[in-house]
Structures are given as C-alpha cells and as structure tokens.
Amino acid sequence: MSRPEDARLQAALADAIEEYAARVREHGEIPPFPAGRDVAATDVAITAAAILKAAEVYSFEIAAMFNI
C-alpha cells in the first residue's frame, strides 16, 4: 500500500534521475555516488530493477546500450 511519504520519495528519485542524466549527457560520465559514500549492492540492484521495470527497459535493450 502506498503512503504519502512514498509519493515524496518517488518524486525526489525521479527528479534525481532526470538531473543526473542531464548532467551526464552534458558533461560526460560522472560517478553516481559521492566519494566515501558506500551504497550496498543489494540496494542498487533493487532500485535499478524497479526503475528498469517501470521504464519498460528489457535485457536485450540493456545489452544493446552497453554492446554486450
């Protein structure tokens, strides 16, 4: 069940994704996390999987993007 704070988190995540992508397009690759900030691989995987599913990005598209 969705809670009001979920909507705020979703909006913040969407804003961060759009801003990060815009900066990468403009300036080239930048690290996604600041120096010294450890983010657990499980947390990254959960978040990335949810984002890819919501954006309807599939494994063959990922392979094409990264030439794998």
Protein backbone atom coordinates (compact mmCIF):
# COMPACT_ATOMS: atom_id res chain seq x y z
CA MET A 1 0.00 0.00 0.00
CA SER A 2 1.31 3.43 -0.93
CA ARG A 3 1.85 6.05 1.78
CA PRO A 4 2.07 9.85 1.40
CA GLU A 5 5.81 9.78 2.09
CA ASP A 6 6.18 7.27 -0.77
CA ALA A 7 5.00 9.91 -3.24
CA ARG A 8 7.61 12.36 -1.95
CA LEU A 9 10.35 9.74 -2.26
CA GLN A 10 9.20 8.81 -5.77
CA ALA A 11 9.22 12.46 -6.85
CA ALA A 12 12.69 13.01 -5.37
CA LEU A 13 14.02 9.88 -7.12
CA ALA A 14 12.51 10.93 -10.46
CA ASP A 15 14.00 14.42 -10.09
CA ALA A 16 17.42 13.00 -9.20
CA ILE A 17 17.39 10.60 -12.16
CA GLU A 18 16.46 13.35 -14.61
CA GLU A 19 19.11 15.73 -13.24
CA TYR A 20 21.83 13.07 -13.16
CA ALA A 21 21.09 12.02 -16.75
CA ALA A 22 21.09 15.63 -17.94
CA ARG A 23 24.49 16.28 -16.37
CA VAL A 24 25.98 13.08 -17.80
CA ARG A 25 24.69 13.99 -21.27
CA GLU A 26 26.15 17.49 -20.92
CA HIS A 27 29.47 16.77 -19.18
CA GLY A 28 30.17 13.06 -19.70
CA GLU A 29 30.29 10.25 -17.19
CA ILE A 30 30.23 11.16 -13.51
CA PRO A 31 30.16 8.80 -10.52
CA PRO A 32 26.60 8.21 -9.30
CA PHE A 33 27.62 8.41 -5.63
CA PRO A 34 29.88 10.86 -3.80
CA ALA A 35 33.37 9.83 -2.69
CA GLY A 36 33.27 7.94 0.57
CA ARG A 37 29.58 7.06 0.29
CA ASP A 38 29.11 3.30 0.22
CA VAL A 39 25.81 2.10 -1.22
CA ALA A 40 25.03 -1.58 -0.80
CA ALA A 41 24.94 -3.66 -3.97
CA THR A 42 21.58 -5.11 -2.91
CA ASP A 43 20.12 -1.61 -2.57
CA VAL A 44 21.44 -0.66 -6.01
CA ALA A 45 20.06 -3.87 -7.56
CA ILE A 46 16.60 -3.41 -6.00
CA THR A 47 16.40 0.21 -7.12
CA ALA A 48 17.79 -0.41 -10.61
CA ALA A 49 15.44 -3.34 -11.20
CA ALA A 50 12.42 -1.27 -10.16
CA ILE A 51 13.48 1.65 -12.37
CA LEU A 52 14.09 -0.58 -15.39
CA LYS A 53 10.75 -2.33 -14.91
CA ALA A 54 8.88 0.98 -14.56
CA ALA A 55 10.58 2.36 -17.68
CA GLU A 56 9.88 -0.89 -19.57
CA VAL A 57 13.57 -1.42 -20.35
CA TYR A 58 14.34 -5.04 -21.13
CA SER A 59 17.54 -7.10 -21.03
CA PHE A 60 18.08 -7.04 -24.79
CA GLU A 61 17.88 -3.23 -24.74
CA ILE A 62 20.44 -3.09 -21.94
CA ALA A 63 22.72 -5.37 -23.92
CA ALA A 64 22.41 -3.08 -26.95
CA MET A 65 23.16 0.03 -24.88
CA PHE A 66 26.34 -1.47 -23.46
CA ASN A 67 27.34 -3.52 -26.51
CA ILE A 68 27.27 -6.80 -24.59
